[in-house]
Amino acid sequence: MSPFSKNSSCPLRQEGCKVIIYRHHPSKNGREAGNTVNLPRTISHLCKLAGKIYGFQPVKVFNEDGGEIKDLNVTRDNDKLFLCDREELEQAFHRK
């Protein structure tokens, strides 16, 4: 079995772990195409990478179920990660 199989977590000290990133919260309907990237070592680096790709400033990372990712050690190869900026978070969570 590959060290990067679907069921194994991404060993951050090894190369080859890839994730698919999206520019929106996972609850948003009408998904846009994602981008497959090598998983950086930190959430900060992931936000910077997504910012360069999508042209915005993400502040939070979520998994496909809407759970916030606070440590990239919990990610797995081929996970879908959703990055949101402050404006989208305010719209999603402060609707009246």
PDB file of N, CA and C in Angstrom:
ATOM      1  N   MET A   1       0.851  -1.176   0.000  1.00  0.00           N
ATOM      2  CA  MET A   1       0.000   0.000   0.000  1.00  0.00           C
ATOM      3  C   MET A   1       0.893   1.235   0.000  1.00  0.00           C
ATOM      4  N   SER A   2       0.527   2.213  -0.784  1.00  0.00           N
ATOM      5  CA  SER A   2       1.271   3.472  -0.873  1.00  0.00           C
ATOM      6  C   SER A   2       1.179   4.231   0.440  1.00  0.00           C
ATOM      7  N   PRO A   3       2.254   4.959   0.818  1.00  0.00           N
ATOM      8  CA  PRO A   3       2.171   5.758   2.044  1.00  0.00           C
ATOM      9  C   PRO A   3       1.205   6.925   1.912  1.00  0.00           C
ATOM     10  N   PHE A   4       0.685   7.150   0.713  1.00  0.00           N
ATOM     11  CA  PHE A   4      -0.235   8.260   0.482  1.00  0.00           C
ATOM     12  C   PHE A   4      -1.583   7.760  -0.010  1.00  0.00           C
ATOM     13  N   SER A   5      -1.999   6.608   0.445  1.00  0.00           N
ATOM     14  CA  SER A   5      -3.289   6.076   0.030  1.00  0.00           C
ATOM     15  C   SER A   5      -4.409   6.932   0.594  1.00  0.00           C
ATOM     16  N   LYS A   6      -5.583   6.778   0.087  1.00  0.00           N
ATOM     17  CA  LYS A   6      -6.745   7.573   0.476  1.00  0.00           C
ATOM     18  C   LYS A   6      -6.991   7.511   1.978  1.00  0.00           C
ATOM     19  N   ASN A   7      -6.658   6.401   2.616  1.00  0.00           N
ATOM     20  CA  ASN A   7      -6.968   6.239   4.024  1.00  0.00           C
ATOM     21  C   ASN A   7      -5.830   6.616   4.959  1.00  0.00           C
ATOM     22  N   SER A   8      -4.710   7.052   4.420  1.00  0.00           N
ATOM     23  CA  SER A   8      -3.609   7.417   5.313  1.00  0.00           C
ATOM     24  C   SER A   8      -3.525   8.930   5.435  1.00  0.00           C
ATOM     25  N   SER A   9      -3.107   9.379   6.611  1.00  0.00           N
ATOM     26  CA  SER A   9      -2.925  10.816   6.770  1.00  0.00           C
ATOM     27  C   SER A   9      -1.667  11.232   6.049  1.00  0.00           C
ATOM     28  N   CYS A  10      -1.554  12.517   5.752  1.00  0.00           N
ATOM     29  CA  CYS A  10      -0.413  13.032   5.015  1.00  0.00           C
ATOM     30  C   CYS A  10       0.773  13.197   5.951  1.00  0.00           C
ATOM     31  N   PRO A  11       1.826  12.447   5.739  1.00  0.00           N
ATOM     32  CA  PRO A  11       3.017  12.686   6.545  1.00  0.00           C
ATOM     33  C   PRO A  11       3.693  13.955   6.058  1.00  0.00           C
ATOM     34  N   LEU A  12       3.634  15.009   6.847  1.00  0.00           N
ATOM     35  CA  LEU A  12       4.104  16.314   6.392  1.00  0.00           C
ATOM     36  C   LEU A  12       5.598  16.364   6.141  1.00  0.00           C
ATOM     37  N   ARG A  13       6.340  15.443   6.683  1.00  0.00           N
ATOM     38  CA  ARG A  13       7.783  15.457   6.453  1.00  0.00           C
ATOM     39  C   ARG A  13       8.147  14.761   5.148  1.00  0.00           C
ATOM     40  N   GLN A  14       7.179  14.128   4.496  1.00  0.00           N
ATOM     41  CA  GLN A  14       7.428  13.463   3.222  1.00  0.00           C
ATOM     42  C   GLN A  14       6.752  14.248   2.116  1.00  0.00           C
ATOM     43  N   GLU A  15       7.326  14.161   0.934  1.00  0.00           N
ATOM     44  CA  GLU A  15       6.734  14.861  -0.202  1.00  0.00           C
ATOM     45  C   GLU A  15       5.692  13.964  -0.862  1.00  0.00           C
ATOM     46  N   GLY A  16       4.794  14.567  -1.603  1.00  0.00           N
ATOM     47  CA  GLY A  16       3.857  13.799  -2.392  1.00  0.00           C
ATOM     48  C   GLY A  16       2.413  13.908  -1.967  1.00  0.00           C
ATOM     49  N   CYS A  17       2.127  14.487  -0.820  1.00  0.00           N
ATOM     50  CA  CYS A  17       0.747  14.620  -0.389  1.00  0.00           C
ATOM     51  C   CYS A  17       0.100  15.765  -1.163  1.00  0.00           C
ATOM     52  N   LYS A  18      -1.000  15.465  -1.805  1.00  0.00           N
ATOM     53  CA  LYS A  18      -1.709  16.475  -2.585  1.00  0.00           C
ATOM     54  C   LYS A  18      -3.125  16.624  -2.056  1.00  0.00           C
ATOM     55  N   VAL A  19      -3.643  17.843  -2.151  1.00  0.00           N
ATOM     56  CA  VAL A  19      -5.018  18.130  -1.770  1.00  0.00           C
ATOM     57  C   VAL A  19      -5.655  18.961  -2.871  1.00  0.00           C
ATOM     58  N   ILE A  20      -6.963  19.019  -2.856  1.00  0.00           N
ATOM     59  CA  ILE A  20      -7.695  19.837  -3.821  1.00  0.00           C
ATOM     60  C   ILE A  20      -8.264  21.016  -3.043  1.00  0.00           C
ATOM     61  N   ILE A  21      -7.942  22.232  -3.506  1.00  0.00           N
ATOM     62  CA  ILE A  21      -8.409  23.424  -2.799  1.00  0.00           C
ATOM     63  C   ILE A  21      -9.488  24.134  -3.601  1.00  0.00           C
ATOM     64  N   TYR A  22     -10.414  24.736  -2.861  1.00  0.00           N
ATOM     65  CA  TYR A  22     -11.533  25.478  -3.450  1.00  0.00           C
ATOM     66  C   TYR A  22     -11.632  26.833  -2.768  1.00  0.00           C
ATOM     67  N   ARG A  23     -12.135  27.814  -3.513  1.00  0.00           N
ATOM     68  CA  ARG A  23     -12.290  29.163  -2.971  1.00  0.00           C
ATOM     69  C   ARG A  23     -13.730  29.406  -2.526  1.00  0.00           C
ATOM     70  N   HIS A  24     -14.134  28.812  -1.478  1.00  0.00           N
ATOM     71  CA  HIS A  24     -15.438  29.073  -0.878  1.00  0.00           C
ATOM     72  C   HIS A  24     -15.677  28.098   0.251  1.00  0.00           C
ATOM     73  N   HIS A  25     -16.685  28.367   1.037  1.00  0.00           N
ATOM     74  CA  HIS A  25     -17.084  27.475   2.127  1.00  0.00           C
ATOM     75  C   HIS A  25     -17.750  26.239   1.513  1.00  0.00           C
ATOM     76  N   PRO A  26     -17.578  25.058   2.113  1.00  0.00           N
ATOM     77  CA  PRO A  26     -18.166  23.847   1.532  1.00  0.00           C
ATOM     78  C   PRO A  26     -19.694  23.857   1.465  1.00  0.00           C
ATOM     79  N   SER A  27     -20.358  24.723   2.218  1.00  0.00           N
ATOM     80  CA  SER A  27     -21.819  24.779   2.165  1.00  0.00           C
ATOM     81  C   SER A  27     -22.334  25.548   0.956  1.00  0.00           C
ATOM     82  N   LYS A  28     -21.447  26.231   0.264  1.00  0.00           N
ATOM     83  CA  LYS A  28     -21.855  27.023  -0.900  1.00  0.00           C
ATOM     84  C   LYS A  28     -22.264  26.098  -2.045  1.00  0.00           C
ATOM     85  N   ASN A  29     -23.413  26.385  -2.623  1.00  0.00           N
ATOM     86  CA  ASN A  29     -23.893  25.602  -3.764  1.00  0.00           C
ATOM     87  C   ASN A  29     -23.165  26.027  -5.028  1.00  0.00           C
ATOM     88  N   GLY A  30     -23.153  25.157  -6.013  1.00  0.00           N
ATOM     89  CA  GLY A  30     -22.554  25.487  -7.301  1.00  0.00           C
ATOM     90  C   GLY A  30     -21.039  25.589  -7.241  1.00  0.00           C
ATOM     91  N   ARG A  31     -20.401  24.518  -6.860  1.00  0.00           N
ATOM     92  CA  ARG A  31     -18.949  24.509  -6.728  1.00  0.00           C
ATOM     93  C   ARG A  31     -18.239  24.910  -8.011  1.00  0.00           C
ATOM     94  N   GLU A  32     -17.185  25.658  -7.829  1.00  0.00           N
ATOM     95  CA  GLU A  32     -16.285  25.963  -8.932  1.00  0.00           C
ATOM     96  C   GLU A  32     -15.237  24.856  -8.972  1.00  0.00           C
ATOM     97  N   ALA A  33     -14.478  24.809 -10.059  1.00  0.00           N
ATOM     98  CA  ALA A  33     -13.419  23.808 -10.171  1.00  0.00           C
ATOM     99  C   ALA A  33     -12.356  24.074  -9.118  1.00  0.00           C
ATOM    100  N   GLY A  34     -11.798  23.008  -8.592  1.00  0.00           N
ATOM    101  CA  GLY A  34     -10.730  23.120  -7.610  1.00  0.00           C
ATOM    102  C   GLY A  34      -9.369  23.048  -8.277  1.00  0.00           C
ATOM    103  N   ASN A  35      -8.344  23.232  -7.480  1.00  0.00           N
ATOM    104  CA  ASN A  35      -6.966  23.127  -7.939  1.00  0.00           C
ATOM    105  C   ASN A  35      -6.242  22.121  -7.058  1.00  0.00           C
ATOM    106  N   THR A  36      -5.550  21.171  -7.683  1.00  0.00           N
ATOM    107  CA  THR A  36      -4.759  20.206  -6.942  1.00  0.00           C
ATOM    108  C   THR A  36      -3.392  20.809  -6.670  1.00  0.00           C
ATOM    109  N   VAL A  37      -2.992  20.792  -5.398  1.00  0.00           N
ATOM    110  CA  VAL A  37      -1.712  21.378  -4.996  1.00  0.00           C
ATOM    111  C   VAL A  37      -1.005  20.435  -4.029  1.00  0.00           C
ATOM    112  N   ASN A  38       0.308  20.584  -3.953  1.00  0.00           N
ATOM    113  CA  ASN A  38       1.062  19.890  -2.912  1.00  0.00           C
ATOM    114  C   ASN A  38       0.717  20.551  -1.583  1.00  0.00           C
ATOM    115  N   LEU A  39       0.474  19.746  -0.576  1.00  0.00           N
ATOM    116  CA  LEU A  39       0.103  20.280   0.733  1.00  0.00           C
ATOM    117  C   LEU A  39       1.311  20.943   1.385  1.00  0.00           C
ATOM    118  N   PRO A  40       1.215  22.250   1.671  1.00  0.00           N
ATOM    119  CA  PRO A  40       2.316  22.907   2.375  1.00  0.00           C
ATOM    120  C   PRO A  40       2.396  22.424   3.822  1.00  0.00           C
ATOM    121  N   ARG A  41       3.390  22.902   4.541  1.00  0.00           N
ATOM    122  CA  ARG A  41       3.595  22.469   5.930  1.00  0.00           C
ATOM    123  C   ARG A  41       2.675  23.167   6.921  1.00  0.00           C
ATOM    124  N   THR A  42       2.186  24.366   6.595  1.00  0.00           N
ATOM    125  CA  THR A  42       1.372  25.112   7.557  1.00  0.00           C
ATOM    126  C   THR A  42       0.105  25.648   6.899  1.00  0.00           C
ATOM    127  N   ILE A  43      -0.867  25.953   7.735  1.00  0.00           N
ATOM    128  CA  ILE A  43      -2.106  26.561   7.241  1.00  0.00           C
ATOM    129  C   ILE A  43      -1.814  27.937   6.660  1.00  0.00           C
ATOM    130  N   SER A  44      -0.912  28.659   7.278  1.00  0.00           N
ATOM    131  CA  SER A  44      -0.533  29.976   6.769  1.00  0.00           C
ATOM    132  C   SER A  44      -0.006  29.883   5.337  1.00  0.00           C
ATOM    133  N   HIS A  45       0.851  28.910   5.090  1.00  0.00           N
ATOM    134  CA  HIS A  45       1.382  28.734   3.731  1.00  0.00           C
ATOM    135  C   HIS A  45       0.286  28.292   2.767  1.00  0.00           C
ATOM    136  N   LEU A  46      -0.638  27.468   3.241  1.00  0.00           N
ATOM    137  CA  LEU A  46      -1.756  27.047   2.398  1.00  0.00           C
ATOM    138  C   LEU A  46      -2.621  28.247   2.022  1.00  0.00           C
ATOM    139  N   CYS A  47      -2.883  29.132   2.982  1.00  0.00           N
ATOM    140  CA  CYS A  47      -3.673  30.338   2.703  1.00  0.00           C
ATOM    141  C   CYS A  47      -2.959  31.243   1.703  1.00  0.00           C
ATOM    142  N   LYS A  48      -1.653  31.391   1.857  1.00  0.00           N
ATOM    143  CA  LYS A  48      -0.886  32.205   0.909  1.00  0.00           C
ATOM    144  C   LYS A  48      -0.928  31.606  -0.490  1.00  0.00           C
ATOM    145  N   LEU A  49      -0.774  30.288  -0.589  1.00  0.00           N
ATOM    146  CA  LEU A  49      -0.827  29.611  -1.876  1.00  0.00           C
ATOM    147  C   LEU A  49      -2.194  29.791  -2.529  1.00  0.00           C
ATOM    148  N   ALA A  50      -3.259  29.572  -1.762  1.00  0.00           N
ATOM    149  CA  ALA A  50      -4.619  29.737  -2.293  1.00  0.00           C
ATOM    150  C   ALA A  50      -4.860  31.189  -2.697  1.00  0.00           C
ATOM    151  N   GLY A  51      -4.322  32.121  -1.923  1.00  0.00           N
ATOM    152  CA  GLY A  51      -4.465  33.538  -2.259  1.00  0.00           C
ATOM    153  C   GLY A  51      -3.837  33.868  -3.592  1.00  0.00           C
ATOM    154  N   LYS A  52      -2.691  33.281  -3.876  1.00  0.00           N
ATOM    155  CA  LYS A  52      -2.028  33.504  -5.165  1.00  0.00           C
ATOM    156  C   LYS A  52      -2.821  32.883  -6.304  1.00  0.00           C
ATOM    157  N   ILE A  53      -3.361  31.707  -6.070  1.00  0.00           N
ATOM    158  CA  ILE A  53      -4.117  31.012  -7.117  1.00  0.00           C
ATOM    159  C   ILE A  53      -5.435  31.720  -7.412  1.00  0.00           C
ATOM    160  N   TYR A  54      -6.164  32.087  -6.365  1.00  0.00           N
ATOM    161  CA  TYR A  54      -7.514  32.623  -6.532  1.00  0.00           C
ATOM    162  C   TYR A  54      -7.612  34.138  -6.426  1.00  0.00           C
ATOM    163  N   GLY A  55      -6.556  34.808  -5.991  1.00  0.00           N
ATOM    164  CA  GLY A  55      -6.587  36.264  -5.910  1.00  0.00           C
ATOM    165  C   GLY A  55      -7.441  36.804  -4.770  1.00  0.00           C
ATOM    166  N   PHE A  56      -7.360  36.185  -3.600  1.00  0.00           N
ATOM    167  CA  PHE A  56      -8.080  36.678  -2.430  1.00  0.00           C
ATOM    168  C   PHE A  56      -7.264  36.335  -1.190  1.00  0.00           C
ATOM    169  N   GLN A  57      -7.723  36.738  -0.011  1.00  0.00           N
ATOM    170  CA  GLN A  57      -6.976  36.520   1.231  1.00  0.00           C
ATOM    171  C   GLN A  57      -7.745  35.589   2.163  1.00  0.00           C
ATOM    172  N   PRO A  58      -7.557  34.286   2.005  1.00  0.00           N
ATOM    173  CA  PRO A  58      -8.265  33.349   2.883  1.00  0.00           C
ATOM    174  C   PRO A  58      -7.776  33.434   4.318  1.00  0.00           C
ATOM    175  N   VAL A  59      -8.708  33.192   5.245  1.00  0.00           N
ATOM    176  CA  VAL A  59      -8.369  33.239   6.673  1.00  0.00           C
ATOM    177  C   VAL A  59      -8.702  31.937   7.398  1.00  0.00           C
ATOM    178  N   LYS A  60      -9.532  31.091   6.801  1.00  0.00           N
ATOM    179  CA  LYS A  60      -9.904  29.820   7.436  1.00  0.00           C
ATOM    180  C   LYS A  60      -9.955  28.720   6.388  1.00  0.00           C
ATOM    181  N   VAL A  61      -9.690  27.503   6.873  1.00  0.00           N
ATOM    182  CA  VAL A  61      -9.699  26.323   6.015  1.00  0.00           C
ATOM    183  C   VAL A  61     -10.697  25.327   6.600  1.00  0.00           C
ATOM    184  N   PHE A  62     -11.534  24.746   5.727  1.00  0.00           N
ATOM    185  CA  PHE A  62     -12.555  23.791   6.141  1.00  0.00           C
ATOM    186  C   PHE A  62     -12.428  22.502   5.352  1.00  0.00           C
ATOM    187  N   ASN A  63     -12.879  21.391   5.956  1.00  0.00           N
ATOM    188  CA  ASN A  63     -12.958  20.140   5.204  1.00  0.00           C
ATOM    189  C   ASN A  63     -14.297  20.078   4.479  1.00  0.00           C
ATOM    190  N   GLU A  64     -14.518  19.010   3.781  1.00  0.00           N
ATOM    191  CA  GLU A  64     -15.729  18.868   2.971  1.00  0.00           C
ATOM    192  C   GLU A  64     -17.013  18.850   3.799  1.00  0.00           C
ATOM    193  N   ASP A  65     -16.912  18.445   5.055  1.00  0.00           N
ATOM    194  CA  ASP A  65     -18.081  18.404   5.940  1.00  0.00           C
ATOM    195  C   ASP A  65     -18.323  19.721   6.664  1.00  0.00           C
ATOM    196  N   GLY A  66     -17.464  20.718   6.422  1.00  0.00           N
ATOM    197  CA  GLY A  66     -17.625  22.015   7.055  1.00  0.00           C
ATOM    198  C   GLY A  66     -16.868  22.169   8.359  1.00  0.00           C
ATOM    199  N   GLY A  67     -16.073  21.179   8.723  1.00  0.00           N
ATOM    200  CA  GLY A  67     -15.265  21.281   9.939  1.00  0.00           C
ATOM    201  C   GLY A  67     -14.018  22.120   9.679  1.00  0.00           C
ATOM    202  N   GLU A  68     -13.725  23.017  10.609  1.00  0.00           N
ATOM    203  CA  GLU A  68     -12.547  23.863  10.438  1.00  0.00           C
ATOM    204  C   GLU A  68     -11.275  23.054  10.635  1.00  0.00           C
ATOM    205  N   ILE A  69     -10.326  23.231   9.751  1.00  0.00           N
ATOM    206  CA  ILE A  69      -9.020  22.578   9.840  1.00  0.00           C
ATOM    207  C   ILE A  69      -8.080  23.535  10.563  1.00  0.00           C
ATOM    208  N   LYS A  70      -7.562  23.112  11.698  1.00  0.00           N
ATOM    209  CA  LYS A  70      -6.630  23.939  12.465  1.00  0.00           C
ATOM    210  C   LYS A  70      -5.231  23.348  12.473  1.00  0.00           C
ATOM    211  N   ASP A  71      -5.090  22.135  11.971  1.00  0.00           N
ATOM    212  CA  ASP A  71      -3.801  21.454  11.928  1.00  0.00           C
ATOM    213  C   ASP A  71      -3.782  20.587  10.673  1.00  0.00           C
ATOM    214  N   LEU A  72      -2.821  20.823   9.787  1.00  0.00           N
ATOM    215  CA  LEU A  72      -2.767  20.076   8.531  1.00  0.00           C
ATOM    216  C   LEU A  72      -2.406  18.609   8.719  1.00  0.00           C
ATOM    217  N   ASN A  73      -1.976  18.227   9.917  1.00  0.00           N
ATOM    218  CA  ASN A  73      -1.687  16.817  10.171  1.00  0.00           C
ATOM    219  C   ASN A  73      -2.938  15.948  10.095  1.00  0.00           C
ATOM    220  N   VAL A  74      -4.117  16.548  10.161  1.00  0.00           N
ATOM    221  CA  VAL A  74      -5.352  15.765  10.089  1.00  0.00           C
ATOM    222  C   VAL A  74      -5.809  15.539   8.652  1.00  0.00           C
ATOM    223  N   THR A  75      -5.139  16.148   7.698  1.00  0.00           N
ATOM    224  CA  THR A  75      -5.540  15.993   6.297  1.00  0.00           C
ATOM    225  C   THR A  75      -5.015  14.690   5.735  1.00  0.00           C
ATOM    226  N   ARG A  76      -5.669  14.242   4.682  1.00  0.00           N
ATOM    227  CA  ARG A  76      -5.282  13.015   3.985  1.00  0.00           C
ATOM    228  C   ARG A  76      -5.032  13.339   2.524  1.00  0.00           C
ATOM    229  N   ASP A  77      -4.283  12.481   1.879  1.00  0.00           N
ATOM    230  CA  ASP A  77      -4.013  12.639   0.461  1.00  0.00           C
ATOM    231  C   ASP A  77      -5.339  12.713  -0.304  1.00  0.00           C
ATOM    232  N   ASN A  78      -5.451  13.673  -1.187  1.00  0.00           N
ATOM    233  CA  ASN A  78      -6.634  13.912  -2.029  1.00  0.00           C
ATOM    234  C   ASN A  78      -7.832  14.488  -1.278  1.00  0.00           C
ATOM    235  N   ASP A  79      -7.640  14.977  -0.063  1.00  0.00           N
ATOM    236  CA  ASP A  79      -8.727  15.669   0.639  1.00  0.00           C
ATOM    237  C   ASP A  79      -9.125  16.925  -0.126  1.00  0.00           C
ATOM    238  N   LYS A  80     -10.365  17.304   0.038  1.00  0.00           N
ATOM    239  CA  LYS A  80     -10.865  18.566  -0.512  1.00  0.00           C
ATOM    240  C   LYS A  80     -10.864  19.582   0.614  1.00  0.00           C
ATOM    241  N   LEU A  81     -10.161  20.691   0.408  1.00  0.00           N
ATOM    242  CA  LEU A  81     -10.072  21.748   1.406  1.00  0.00           C
ATOM    243  C   LEU A  81     -10.692  23.017   0.842  1.00  0.00           C
ATOM    244  N   PHE A  82     -11.443  23.708   1.673  1.00  0.00           N
ATOM    245  CA  PHE A  82     -12.188  24.889   1.259  1.00  0.00           C
ATOM    246  C   PHE A  82     -11.666  26.079   2.032  1.00  0.00           C
ATOM    247  N   LEU A  83     -11.259  27.123   1.310  1.00  0.00           N
ATOM    248  CA  LEU A  83     -10.666  28.298   1.940  1.00  0.00           C
ATOM    249  C   LEU A  83     -11.606  29.476   1.807  1.00  0.00           C
ATOM    250  N   CYS A  84     -11.793  30.198   2.912  1.00  0.00           N
ATOM    251  CA  CYS A  84     -12.733  31.320   2.951  1.00  0.00           C
ATOM    252  C   CYS A  84     -12.025  32.579   3.428  1.00  0.00           C
ATOM    253  N   ASP A  85     -12.462  33.702   2.883  1.00  0.00           N
ATOM    254  CA  ASP A  85     -11.971  34.986   3.382  1.00  0.00           C
ATOM    255  C   ASP A  85     -12.967  35.522   4.409  1.00  0.00           C
ATOM    256  N   ARG A  86     -12.614  36.614   5.047  1.00  0.00           N
ATOM    257  CA  ARG A  86     -13.469  37.183   6.099  1.00  0.00           C
ATOM    258  C   ARG A  86     -14.859  37.548   5.585  1.00  0.00           C
ATOM    259  N   GLU A  87     -14.913  38.127   4.400  1.00  0.00           N
ATOM    260  CA  GLU A  87     -16.201  38.556   3.845  1.00  0.00           C
ATOM    261  C   GLU A  87     -17.154  37.376   3.675  1.00  0.00           C
ATOM    262  N   GLU A  88     -16.664  36.290   3.132  1.00  0.00           N
ATOM    263  CA  GLU A  88     -17.528  35.126   2.943  1.00  0.00           C
ATOM    264  C   GLU A  88     -17.973  34.541   4.280  1.00  0.00           C
ATOM    265  N   LEU A  89     -17.074  34.501   5.255  1.00  0.00           N
ATOM    266  CA  LEU A  89     -17.444  33.991   6.570  1.00  0.00           C
ATOM    267  C   LEU A  89     -18.519  34.848   7.217  1.00  0.00           C
ATOM    268  N   GLU A  90     -18.384  36.167   7.087  1.00  0.00           N
ATOM    269  CA  GLU A  90     -19.402  37.061   7.652  1.00  0.00           C
ATOM    270  C   GLU A  90     -20.741  36.853   6.971  1.00  0.00           C
ATOM    271  N   GLN A  91     -20.742  36.678   5.659  1.00  0.00           N
ATOM    272  CA  GLN A  91     -21.982  36.452   4.933  1.00  0.00           C
ATOM    273  C   GLN A  91     -22.604  35.110   5.310  1.00  0.00           C
ATOM    274  N   ALA A  92     -21.787  34.082   5.460  1.00  0.00           N
ATOM    275  CA  ALA A  92     -22.295  32.748   5.737  1.00  0.00           C
ATOM    276  C   ALA A  92     -22.821  32.595   7.158  1.00  0.00           C
ATOM    277  N   PHE A  93     -22.172  33.248   8.126  1.00  0.00           N
ATOM    278  CA  PHE A  93     -22.503  32.997   9.507  1.00  0.00           C
ATOM    279  C   PHE A  93     -23.237  34.138  10.200  1.00  0.00           C
ATOM    280  N   HIS A  94     -23.428  35.254   9.537  1.00  0.00           N
ATOM    281  CA  HIS A  94     -24.107  36.389  10.154  1.00  0.00           C
ATOM    282  C   HIS A  94     -25.345  36.824   9.375  1.00  0.00           C
ATOM    283  N   ARG A  95     -25.948  35.867   8.686  1.00  0.00           N
ATOM    284  CA  ARG A  95     -27.177  36.178   7.951  1.00  0.00           C
ATOM    285  C   ARG A  95     -28.300  36.396   8.944  1.00  0.00           C
ATOM    286  N   LYS A  96     -29.169  37.318   8.607  1.00  0.00           N
ATOM    287  CA  LYS A  96     -30.328  37.572   9.480  1.00  0.00           C
ATOM    288  C   LYS A  96     -31.586  37.017   8.879  1.00  0.00           C
TER     289      LYS A  96
END
